[in-house]
Amino acid sequence: MTAIVPGTGPVAPPPSRRATALTVAALALPLIGLAMLILRPVLDLQWEHQPTHFWLVAAVGAINAALAWVVGAAARLRRDARLVLVSLSFGAAAGFLALHALATPGVLLAESNTGFALATPVGLTVAAVFAAWSSLDLDGAHGARVVRLAPWLVGGLVALMVLWGVVSLLRLGPLDAAAPPERTTVPFAVLATIGLACYAVAVVRYLRMPRHAASPLPLAFAAAFTLLAEAEIAVVVGRNWHLSWWEWHVLMLAAFIIIAVAAQRSWREERWSGLYTQDTAAGERDVSVLFADLAGFTHFSESHEPAEVTAMLNTYFTDAIPPLVERFGGRVDRLIGDAVMAVFESDGSSGPSHAQRAAGAALALQQATGAVAAAHPDWPRFRVGVNSGRANVGILGTGGGRTYTVIGDTVNVASRIEHRAPVGGVAIAAATRERLGDAAITQPLGELEVAGRDAPVEAHLLVGLQGV
């Protein structure tokens, strides 16, 4: 039986010695083959085929760009530092590989370009730095800082790639050589050494991460980083248009295919959860939770056709959800029939707090759905409740049953407060009322007994909110 780690799902059993030996042997084969090609040059056959080179590099770049996009989207959604750095690693590889593809003579450029030809070792090294960084302990203040700096890191990476492209096209400085060097010069050999060291750090640390039965990603990343480290070696010693030169192109393709396949095999819900930091997977945070439920939904469903009920819900949710997500930065945690639960967390900015945004979203929801209800007098109306406090945020369940949600007394109270709200109104708990301060215009609703709690919960009717 597999062990269960809170917030992460079952832990995969350690691989057998035979499986480990086979994996190590498979990952070592490219390096052994490279050594044979270098030690016996007669085996290092030359094959110059420019279209194949272009499409091979373009394919690797396209896979990287797709990975960078999907991982970056997950990083923004979950505000996870490791995913931020992984997406930057993919982005660096994709961008510089695109520049390297342009070095193929006769495809897009009339002749070879030294800067574009050397873009790959630069890109691999930059990607290796982000890879090593992503393997470090990113919980707490370190991870929060990475998330805050994410836009600047993306901007800096894009600027670096654009600058390299411009300098290469203009053939400035050391990139003005008439033809790419047979082997990389000392500065680029140094870059390759740095990249090799960074990938080595990443491999070791990813192998030490907890292995999740539902996610093969940490192991897949360790294997891919091993292949990329071998590619760094091949970049330095390979001879242009020989098998040793083609090898590092193929190694990069294999590395990123491994990651793409591992991601595809992971369950689509929280596909990248195997890489989440501990704070993301099972962390405690200060949040505001909003519950909205349609009063009289059961009676409406009983007296109307299912198609009419579905149309009513779709209309309401079309108007209700955008204020929660787009205007006030909330995250819809789940839809349960006629009810919606949304979570608001600190976004790291100096703007409104999560309590202010949750309260503003609640009022906006009632305003938007009230306009809909005015055109359909027989439709039920929402009641909304908001509570703020500490909650456990992370992965619940395993495999196909995984979900990203919040759990705790804060959530339970928000649900109970919602039942105290009048139809068309917003009820907030005392914890939320305190955080809103003088901005909130409220009326007391009295105390609410909550099953399982020793003390009653004080509730307030939120009439208005100033400054949000």
Protein backbone atom coordinates (compact mmCIF):
# COMPACT_ATOMS: atom_id res chain seq x y z
CA MET A 1 0.00 0.00 0.00
CA THR A 2 1.34 3.44 -0.91
CA ALA A 3 1.85 6.12 1.69
CA ILE A 4 -0.30 9.24 1.76
CA VAL A 5 1.25 12.66 2.19
CA PRO A 6 -1.26 15.44 3.00
CA GLY A 7 -1.86 17.65 0.00
CA THR A 8 0.25 15.59 -2.39
CA GLY A 9 -1.48 12.25 -2.90
CA PRO A 10 0.08 8.79 -2.72
CA VAL A 11 3.85 8.57 -2.88
CA ALA A 12 5.20 6.22 -5.54
CA PRO A 13 7.25 3.29 -4.26
CA PRO A 14 11.00 3.54 -4.91
CA PRO A 15 12.11 1.99 -8.22
CA SER A 16 13.77 -1.41 -8.17
CA ARG A 17 17.52 -1.68 -8.53
CA ARG A 18 17.07 -3.23 -11.97
CA ALA A 19 14.85 -0.37 -13.14
CA THR A 20 17.34 2.14 -11.77
CA ALA A 21 20.26 0.42 -13.52
CA LEU A 22 18.39 0.30 -16.84
CA THR A 23 17.49 3.99 -16.56
CA VAL A 24 21.07 4.99 -15.81
CA ALA A 25 22.35 2.87 -18.70
CA ALA A 26 19.83 4.35 -21.13
CA LEU A 27 20.74 7.91 -20.11
CA ALA A 28 24.47 7.12 -20.36
CA LEU A 29 24.28 5.67 -23.88
CA PRO A 30 24.32 9.05 -25.69
CA LEU A 31 27.45 10.08 -23.78
CA ILE A 32 29.14 6.76 -24.56
CA GLY A 33 28.25 7.17 -28.22
CA LEU A 34 29.62 10.71 -28.24
CA ALA A 35 32.90 9.53 -26.71
CA MET A 36 33.26 6.88 -29.43
CA LEU A 37 32.67 9.46 -32.15
CA ILE A 38 35.31 11.80 -30.70
CA LEU A 39 37.91 9.09 -30.00
CA ARG A 40 37.41 7.47 -33.42
CA PRO A 41 36.85 10.31 -35.91
CA VAL A 42 36.36 7.81 -38.71
CA LEU A 43 32.98 7.02 -37.16
CA ASP A 44 32.01 10.69 -36.96
CA LEU A 45 30.48 10.82 -40.43
CA GLN A 46 29.60 14.10 -42.07
CA TRP A 47 26.05 14.79 -43.24
CA GLU A 48 25.10 18.33 -44.19
CA HIS A 49 21.40 18.57 -44.88
CA GLN A 50 20.11 22.03 -44.14
CA PRO A 51 16.33 21.44 -44.42
CA THR A 52 16.56 18.57 -41.91
CA HIS A 53 18.51 20.79 -39.54
CA PHE A 54 15.97 23.58 -39.83
CA TRP A 55 12.92 21.41 -39.20
CA LEU A 56 14.62 19.49 -36.39
CA VAL A 57 15.49 22.66 -34.53
CA ALA A 58 12.10 24.18 -35.33
CA ALA A 59 10.36 21.11 -33.87
CA VAL A 60 12.39 21.31 -30.65
CA GLY A 61 11.68 25.03 -30.40
CA ALA A 62 7.95 24.51 -30.98
CA ILE A 63 7.75 21.86 -28.24
CA ASN A 64 9.57 24.21 -25.88
CA ALA A 65 7.33 27.13 -26.74
CA ALA A 66 4.21 25.03 -26.09
CA LEU A 67 5.61 23.81 -22.76
CA ALA A 68 6.58 27.34 -21.76
CA TRP A 69 3.05 28.55 -22.52
CA VAL A 70 1.13 25.87 -20.62
CA VAL A 71 3.48 25.84 -17.63
CA GLY A 72 3.43 29.64 -17.52
CA ALA A 73 -0.38 29.61 -17.50
CA ALA A 74 -0.36 27.14 -14.58
CA ALA A 75 2.25 29.27 -12.78
CA ARG A 76 0.08 32.37 -13.05
CA LEU A 77 -3.04 30.50 -11.95
CA ARG A 78 -1.45 28.88 -8.91
CA ARG A 79 1.18 31.58 -8.24
CA ASP A 80 3.77 28.83 -7.93
CA ALA A 81 7.44 29.86 -7.96
CA ARG A 82 8.79 26.57 -9.31
CA LEU A 83 6.44 26.65 -12.29
CA VAL A 84 7.46 30.25 -12.97
CA LEU A 85 11.11 29.23 -13.27
CA VAL A 86 10.36 26.05 -15.24
CA SER A 87 8.37 28.07 -17.78
CA LEU A 88 11.29 30.51 -18.08
CA SER A 89 13.66 27.59 -18.68
CA PHE A 90 11.45 26.35 -21.51
CA GLY A 91 11.08 29.87 -22.85
CA ALA A 92 14.83 30.45 -22.93
CA ALA A 93 15.41 27.21 -24.83
CA ALA A 94 12.58 27.95 -27.26
CA GLY A 95 13.71 31.49 -28.05
CA PHE A 96 17.36 30.72 -28.62
CA LEU A 97 16.52 27.60 -30.62
CA ALA A 98 14.43 29.78 -32.91
CA LEU A 99 17.50 31.96 -33.44
CA HIS A 100 19.60 28.87 -34.08
CA ALA A 101 17.12 27.69 -36.72
CA LEU A 102 17.68 30.96 -38.55
CA ALA A 103 21.38 30.02 -38.84
CA THR A 104 20.52 27.28 -41.35
CA PRO A 105 22.03 28.54 -44.62
CA GLY A 106 19.67 28.79 -47.54
CA VAL A 107 16.48 28.43 -45.52
CA LEU A 108 15.79 31.89 -44.10
CA LEU A 109 19.25 33.46 -44.36
CA ALA A 110 21.47 33.35 -47.41
CA GLU A 111 24.57 32.39 -45.45
CA SER A 112 25.70 31.15 -42.05
CA ASN A 113 25.47 33.53 -39.10
CA THR A 114 27.86 33.06 -36.20
CA GLY A 115 25.58 34.58 -33.57
CA PHE A 116 22.63 32.46 -34.57
CA ALA A 117 24.78 29.33 -34.79
CA LEU A 118 26.03 29.94 -31.25
CA ALA A 119 22.55 30.72 -29.91
CA THR A 120 22.05 27.14 -28.77
CA PRO A 121 24.87 26.99 -26.18
CA VAL A 122 23.73 30.38 -24.89
CA GLY A 123 20.10 29.24 -24.71
CA LEU A 124 20.98 25.93 -23.07
CA THR A 125 23.02 27.74 -20.43
CA VAL A 126 20.32 30.29 -19.66
CA ALA A 127 17.76 27.47 -19.50
CA ALA A 128 20.10 25.53 -17.17
CA VAL A 129 20.30 28.47 -14.75
CA PHE A 130 16.51 28.62 -14.51
CA ALA A 131 16.36 24.81 -14.20
CA ALA A 132 18.80 24.79 -11.29
CA TRP A 133 16.98 27.70 -9.67
CA SER A 134 13.66 25.85 -9.99
CA SER A 135 15.08 22.88 -8.07
CA LEU A 136 15.87 24.92 -4.94
CA ASP A 137 13.68 25.36 -1.88
CA LEU A 138 11.10 27.87 -3.06
CA ASP A 139 8.74 27.93 -0.10
CA GLY A 140 8.20 31.00 2.03
CA ALA A 141 9.74 34.37 1.23
CA HIS A 142 12.01 33.02 -1.54
CA GLY A 143 9.08 31.70 -3.54
CA ALA A 144 6.97 34.79 -2.95
CA ARG A 145 9.82 36.94 -4.23
CA VAL A 146 10.14 34.82 -7.40
CA VAL A 147 6.42 35.20 -8.09
CA ARG A 148 6.62 38.98 -7.62
CA LEU A 149 9.63 39.20 -9.94
CA ALA A 150 8.08 36.95 -12.60
CA PRO A 151 7.08 39.78 -15.00
CA TRP A 152 10.57 41.30 -14.73
CA LEU A 153 12.22 37.92 -15.32
CA VAL A 154 10.11 37.34 -18.42
CA GLY A 155 10.85 40.83 -19.69
CA GLY A 156 14.58 40.42 -19.08
CA LEU A 157 14.64 37.08 -20.91
CA VAL A 158 12.80 38.49 -23.92
CA ALA A 159 15.13 41.51 -23.97
CA LEU A 160 18.18 39.22 -23.88
CA MET A 161 16.91 37.16 -26.82
CA VAL A 162 16.05 40.26 -28.86
CA LEU A 163 19.46 41.78 -28.09
CA TRP A 164 21.25 38.57 -29.13
CA GLY A 165 19.26 38.51 -32.38
CA VAL A 166 20.07 42.14 -33.20
CA VAL A 167 23.77 41.76 -32.40
CA SER A 168 23.89 38.59 -34.48
CA LEU A 169 22.20 40.17 -37.50
CA LEU A 170 24.48 43.21 -37.32
CA ARG A 171 27.52 40.94 -36.76
CA LEU A 172 28.83 43.10 -33.94
CA GLY A 173 31.82 42.37 -31.72
CA PRO A 174 32.89 38.73 -31.49
CA LEU A 175 29.89 37.68 -33.62
CA ASP A 176 31.28 39.20 -36.81
CA ALA A 177 33.08 36.01 -37.90
CA ALA A 178 32.49 35.05 -41.51
CA ALA A 179 31.57 31.50 -40.51
CA PRO A 180 30.72 29.76 -37.26
CA PRO A 181 33.71 28.23 -35.47
CA GLU A 182 34.30 24.51 -35.85
CA ARG A 183 34.24 24.26 -32.09
CA THR A 184 32.99 26.81 -29.65
CA THR A 185 35.44 29.42 -28.46
CA VAL A 186 36.63 29.63 -24.86
CA PRO A 187 33.81 31.96 -23.69
CA PHE A 188 31.20 29.55 -25.00
CA ALA A 189 33.03 26.57 -23.55
CA VAL A 190 32.80 28.38 -20.21
CA LEU A 191 29.07 28.87 -20.80
CA ALA A 192 28.68 25.16 -21.52
CA THR A 193 30.54 24.32 -18.31
CA ILE A 194 28.23 26.58 -16.31
CA GLY A 195 25.24 24.96 -17.98
CA LEU A 196 26.55 21.48 -17.23
CA ALA A 197 26.99 22.34 -13.56
CA CYS A 198 23.50 23.86 -13.34
CA TYR A 199 21.88 20.85 -14.98
CA ALA A 200 23.77 18.56 -12.60
CA VAL A 201 22.34 20.49 -9.64
CA ALA A 202 18.86 20.29 -11.14
CA VAL A 203 19.12 16.53 -11.76
CA VAL A 204 20.23 15.76 -8.21
CA ARG A 205 17.60 17.94 -6.58
CA TYR A 206 14.72 16.79 -8.80
CA LEU A 207 15.62 13.18 -8.01
CA ARG A 208 15.35 14.03 -4.30
CA MET A 209 11.86 15.50 -4.66
CA PRO A 210 8.97 13.36 -3.40
CA ARG A 211 7.73 11.11 -6.19
CA HIS A 212 3.98 11.17 -6.66
CA ALA A 213 2.19 8.09 -7.89
CA ALA A 214 -0.11 10.36 -9.92
CA SER A 215 2.69 12.44 -11.45
CA PRO A 216 5.88 11.22 -13.14
CA LEU A 217 7.07 14.78 -13.71
CA PRO A 218 9.96 15.10 -11.19
CA LEU A 219 11.57 11.92 -12.53
CA ALA A 220 10.92 12.97 -16.12
CA PHE A 221 12.54 16.35 -15.50
CA ALA A 222 15.59 14.68 -13.95
CA ALA A 223 15.94 12.46 -17.04
CA ALA A 224 15.47 15.39 -19.40
CA PHE A 225 18.01 17.54 -17.57
CA THR A 226 20.49 14.66 -17.80
CA LEU A 227 20.08 14.59 -21.57
CA LEU A 228 20.44 18.36 -21.77
CA ALA A 229 23.64 18.17 -19.70
CA GLU A 230 24.96 15.67 -22.24
CA ALA A 231 23.90 18.05 -25.00
CA GLU A 232 26.03 20.76 -23.35
CA ILE A 233 29.05 18.45 -23.65
CA ALA A 234 28.26 17.61 -27.27
CA VAL A 235 27.95 21.31 -28.12
CA VAL A 236 31.56 21.85 -27.05
CA VAL A 237 33.18 18.82 -28.68
CA GLY A 238 30.95 18.13 -31.68
CA ARG A 239 32.16 18.92 -35.20
CA ASN A 240 29.86 20.95 -37.44
CA TRP A 241 27.57 18.83 -39.66
CA HIS A 242 29.08 15.59 -38.29
CA LEU A 243 27.24 12.96 -36.26
CA SER A 244 28.68 14.40 -33.02
CA TRP A 245 27.14 17.74 -34.02
CA TRP A 246 23.77 16.23 -34.90
CA GLU A 247 23.74 14.36 -31.60
CA TRP A 248 23.16 17.37 -29.41
CA HIS A 249 20.22 18.41 -31.59
CA VAL A 250 18.66 14.97 -31.14
CA LEU A 251 19.42 14.98 -27.39
CA MET A 252 17.50 18.23 -26.97
CA LEU A 253 14.56 16.84 -28.92
CA ALA A 254 14.53 13.68 -26.78
CA ALA A 255 14.75 15.67 -23.55
CA PHE A 256 11.74 17.82 -24.26
CA ILE A 257 9.71 14.95 -25.70
CA ILE A 258 10.22 13.12 -22.38
CA ILE A 259 8.74 16.07 -20.50
CA ALA A 260 5.88 16.51 -22.96
CA VAL A 261 4.96 12.81 -22.78
CA ALA A 262 5.17 12.78 -18.97
CA ALA A 263 2.91 15.83 -18.80
CA GLN A 264 0.44 14.25 -21.21
CA ARG A 265 0.32 11.09 -19.10
CA SER A 266 -0.42 13.09 -15.95
CA TRP A 267 -4.08 13.56 -15.15
CA ARG A 268 -5.41 16.70 -16.83
CA GLU A 269 -6.68 18.14 -13.56
CA GLU A 270 -3.70 19.86 -11.93
CA ARG A 271 -1.40 18.33 -14.53
CA TRP A 272 1.68 20.10 -13.14
CA SER A 273 0.94 19.45 -9.47
CA GLY A 274 3.91 17.07 -9.23
CA LEU A 275 6.15 20.15 -9.43
CA TYR A 276 4.25 22.39 -7.02
CA THR A 277 6.16 23.81 -4.10
CA GLN A 278 5.00 22.68 -0.68
CA ASP A 279 3.35 26.06 -0.11
CA THR A 280 1.26 25.53 -3.24
CA ALA A 281 0.52 21.83 -2.74
CA ALA A 282 -0.48 22.06 0.93
CA GLY A 283 0.08 25.50 2.38
CA GLU A 284 -1.79 27.65 4.87
CA ARG A 285 -2.74 31.13 3.69
CA ASP A 286 -4.87 34.08 4.58
CA VAL A 287 -7.86 34.14 2.22
CA SER A 288 -11.38 35.40 1.75
CA VAL A 289 -13.99 32.87 0.65
CA LEU A 290 -17.24 33.76 -1.15
CA PHE A 291 -20.26 31.49 -1.39
CA ALA A 292 -23.25 32.31 -3.59
CA ASP A 293 -26.36 30.14 -3.72
CA LEU A 294 -29.73 30.52 -5.45
CA ALA A 295 -32.57 30.79 -2.95
CA GLY A 296 -35.64 28.87 -4.17
CA PHE A 297 -33.73 26.87 -6.75
CA THR A 298 -35.37 23.57 -5.76
CA HIS A 299 -38.89 24.97 -6.24
CA PHE A 300 -37.90 26.56 -9.56
CA SER A 301 -36.45 23.27 -10.80
CA GLU A 302 -39.62 21.42 -9.79
CA SER A 303 -41.90 23.75 -11.73
CA HIS A 304 -39.82 24.21 -14.90
CA GLU A 305 -38.44 22.02 -17.65
CA PRO A 306 -34.77 20.96 -17.32
CA ALA A 307 -33.87 22.98 -20.40
CA GLU A 308 -35.28 26.13 -18.78
CA VAL A 309 -33.35 25.45 -15.57
CA THR A 310 -30.14 24.98 -17.55
CA ALA A 311 -30.73 28.21 -19.49
CA MET A 312 -31.35 30.10 -16.23
CA LEU A 313 -28.13 28.80 -14.64
CA ASN A 314 -26.04 29.52 -17.74
CA THR A 315 -27.41 33.06 -17.92
CA TYR A 316 -26.75 33.73 -14.26
CA PHE A 317 -23.27 32.27 -14.24
CA THR A 318 -22.36 34.16 -17.41
CA ASP A 319 -23.12 37.40 -15.57
CA ALA A 320 -22.02 36.34 -12.09
CA ILE A 321 -18.62 34.76 -12.67
CA PRO A 322 -16.81 37.50 -14.66
CA PRO A 323 -17.04 40.00 -11.78
CA LEU A 324 -15.48 37.41 -9.49
CA VAL A 325 -12.58 36.56 -11.78
CA GLU A 326 -11.87 39.41 -14.16
CA ARG A 327 -12.62 42.54 -12.15
CA PHE A 328 -11.72 41.45 -8.63
CA GLY A 329 -9.04 38.81 -9.13
CA GLY A 330 -10.85 35.89 -7.55
CA ARG A 331 -10.57 32.23 -8.42
CA VAL A 332 -13.69 30.17 -8.94
CA ASP A 333 -13.00 27.14 -6.80
CA ARG A 334 -16.03 25.15 -7.85
CA LEU A 335 -19.57 25.22 -9.20
CA ILE A 336 -21.97 22.95 -7.33
CA GLY A 337 -25.32 22.90 -9.09
CA ASP A 338 -26.80 26.32 -8.37
CA ALA A 339 -23.97 27.42 -6.07
CA VAL A 340 -20.55 28.96 -6.70
CA MET A 341 -17.55 29.13 -4.39
CA ALA A 342 -14.75 31.61 -5.07
CA VAL A 343 -11.46 32.28 -3.30
CA PHE A 344 -9.56 35.55 -3.04
CA GLU A 345 -5.90 35.62 -2.01
CA SER A 346 -3.27 38.30 -1.62
CA ASP A 347 -1.87 39.22 -5.04
CA GLY A 348 1.32 40.77 -3.66
CA SER A 349 0.42 44.26 -4.88
CA SER A 350 -0.34 47.42 -2.95
CA GLY A 351 -3.94 47.37 -4.21
CA PRO A 352 -7.10 46.35 -2.36
CA SER A 353 -6.79 43.48 0.10
CA HIS A 354 -8.36 40.12 -0.65
CA ALA A 355 -11.17 40.95 1.80
CA GLN A 356 -11.93 44.19 -0.07
CA ARG A 357 -11.86 42.41 -3.42
CA ALA A 358 -14.12 39.61 -2.17
CA ALA A 359 -16.62 42.09 -0.74
CA GLY A 360 -16.52 44.14 -3.94
CA ALA A 361 -17.06 41.02 -6.02
CA ALA A 362 -20.03 40.01 -3.87
CA LEU A 363 -21.73 43.36 -4.39
CA ALA A 364 -20.93 43.31 -8.12
CA LEU A 365 -22.34 39.80 -8.41
CA GLN A 366 -25.62 40.87 -6.84
CA GLN A 367 -25.80 43.95 -9.04
CA ALA A 368 -25.18 41.96 -12.23
CA THR A 369 -27.55 39.12 -11.41
CA GLY A 370 -30.14 41.58 -10.11
CA ALA A 371 -30.32 43.14 -13.55
CA VAL A 372 -30.88 39.68 -15.02
CA ALA A 373 -33.57 38.88 -12.45
CA ALA A 374 -35.38 42.14 -13.24
CA ALA A 375 -36.03 40.80 -16.74
CA HIS A 376 -37.12 37.40 -15.35
CA PRO A 377 -39.22 38.02 -12.21
CA ASP A 378 -39.88 34.31 -11.64
CA TRP A 379 -36.18 33.39 -11.52
CA PRO A 380 -34.58 32.74 -8.10
CA ARG A 381 -32.04 35.20 -6.70
CA PHE A 382 -28.63 34.71 -5.14
CA ARG A 383 -27.69 34.94 -1.48
CA VAL A 384 -23.99 35.66 -0.91
CA GLY A 385 -21.76 35.13 2.09
CA VAL A 386 -18.12 36.13 2.64
CA ASN A 387 -15.65 35.18 5.36
CA SER A 388 -11.91 35.84 5.79
CA GLY A 389 -9.20 34.01 7.69
CA ARG A 390 -6.59 31.26 7.56
CA ALA A 391 -7.25 28.19 5.43
CA ASN A 392 -5.32 25.27 4.01
CA VAL A 393 -4.90 25.77 0.27
CA GLY A 394 -3.71 22.98 -2.00
CA ILE A 395 -4.30 19.66 -3.67
CA LEU A 396 -7.01 17.40 -2.31
CA GLY A 397 -7.35 13.80 -3.51
CA THR A 398 -5.32 11.84 -6.00
CA GLY A 399 -5.33 10.71 -9.61
CA GLY A 400 -8.49 11.66 -11.48
CA GLY A 401 -10.10 12.80 -8.23
CA ARG A 402 -7.63 15.61 -7.56
CA THR A 403 -8.81 19.15 -7.11
CA TYR A 404 -7.21 22.41 -6.00
CA THR A 405 -9.27 23.87 -3.18
CA VAL A 406 -9.33 25.51 0.24
CA ILE A 407 -10.29 23.71 3.43
CA GLY A 408 -10.86 24.82 6.99
CA ASP A 409 -13.10 26.64 9.41
CA THR A 410 -12.92 29.81 7.31
CA VAL A 411 -14.62 27.98 4.45
CA ASN A 412 -17.27 26.39 6.66
CA VAL A 413 -18.20 29.73 8.22
CA ALA A 414 -18.45 31.39 4.80
CA SER A 415 -20.92 28.71 3.74
CA ARG A 416 -23.02 29.19 6.88
CA ILE A 417 -22.91 32.99 6.61
CA GLU A 418 -24.34 32.76 3.11
CA HIS A 419 -27.51 31.14 4.47
CA ARG A 420 -27.95 34.14 6.79
CA ALA A 421 -27.93 36.63 3.91
CA PRO A 422 -31.25 37.98 2.62
CA VAL A 423 -32.21 37.13 -0.95
CA GLY A 424 -30.33 39.55 -3.19
CA GLY A 425 -28.04 40.59 -0.34
CA VAL A 426 -24.51 39.99 0.94
CA ALA A 427 -23.67 38.78 4.45
CA ILE A 428 -20.14 39.02 5.81
CA ALA A 429 -18.54 37.56 8.91
CA ALA A 430 -17.00 39.70 11.63
CA ALA A 431 -13.51 38.74 10.43
CA THR A 432 -14.24 40.23 7.01
CA ARG A 433 -15.98 43.26 8.52
CA GLU A 434 -12.90 44.01 10.64
CA ARG A 435 -10.58 43.84 7.61
CA LEU A 436 -12.79 46.19 5.61
CA GLY A 437 -12.59 48.88 8.28
CA ASP A 438 -14.28 52.20 7.56
CA ALA A 439 -14.76 51.27 3.89
CA ALA A 440 -17.67 48.96 4.71
CA ILE A 441 -21.25 50.15 5.14
CA THR A 442 -23.01 47.42 7.10
CA GLN A 443 -26.00 46.53 9.20
CA PRO A 444 -25.86 43.95 12.00
CA LEU A 445 -27.50 40.58 11.36
CA GLY A 446 -26.85 39.18 14.82
CA GLU A 447 -25.07 36.02 15.81
CA LEU A 448 -25.24 32.71 13.98
CA GLU A 449 -24.91 29.30 15.58
CA VAL A 450 -22.64 27.07 13.49
CA ALA A 451 -22.76 23.32 14.00
CA GLY A 452 -19.55 22.03 15.58
CA ARG A 453 -18.37 25.48 16.77
CA ASP A 454 -18.33 26.42 20.44
CA ALA A 455 -18.94 30.12 19.86
CA PRO A 456 -21.53 31.74 17.58
CA VAL A 457 -20.46 33.73 14.51
CA GLU A 458 -21.28 37.41 14.21
CA ALA A 459 -22.79 38.35 10.84
CA HIS A 460 -23.29 41.69 9.08
CA LEU A 461 -25.28 42.77 6.03
CA LEU A 462 -22.94 44.50 3.57
CA VAL A 463 -24.82 47.47 2.14
CA GLY A 464 -21.99 49.24 0.35
CA LEU A 465 -18.23 49.54 0.04
CA GLN A 466 -16.28 52.74 -0.35
CA GLY A 467 -13.08 53.00 -2.39
CA VAL A 468 -13.28 49.63 -4.21
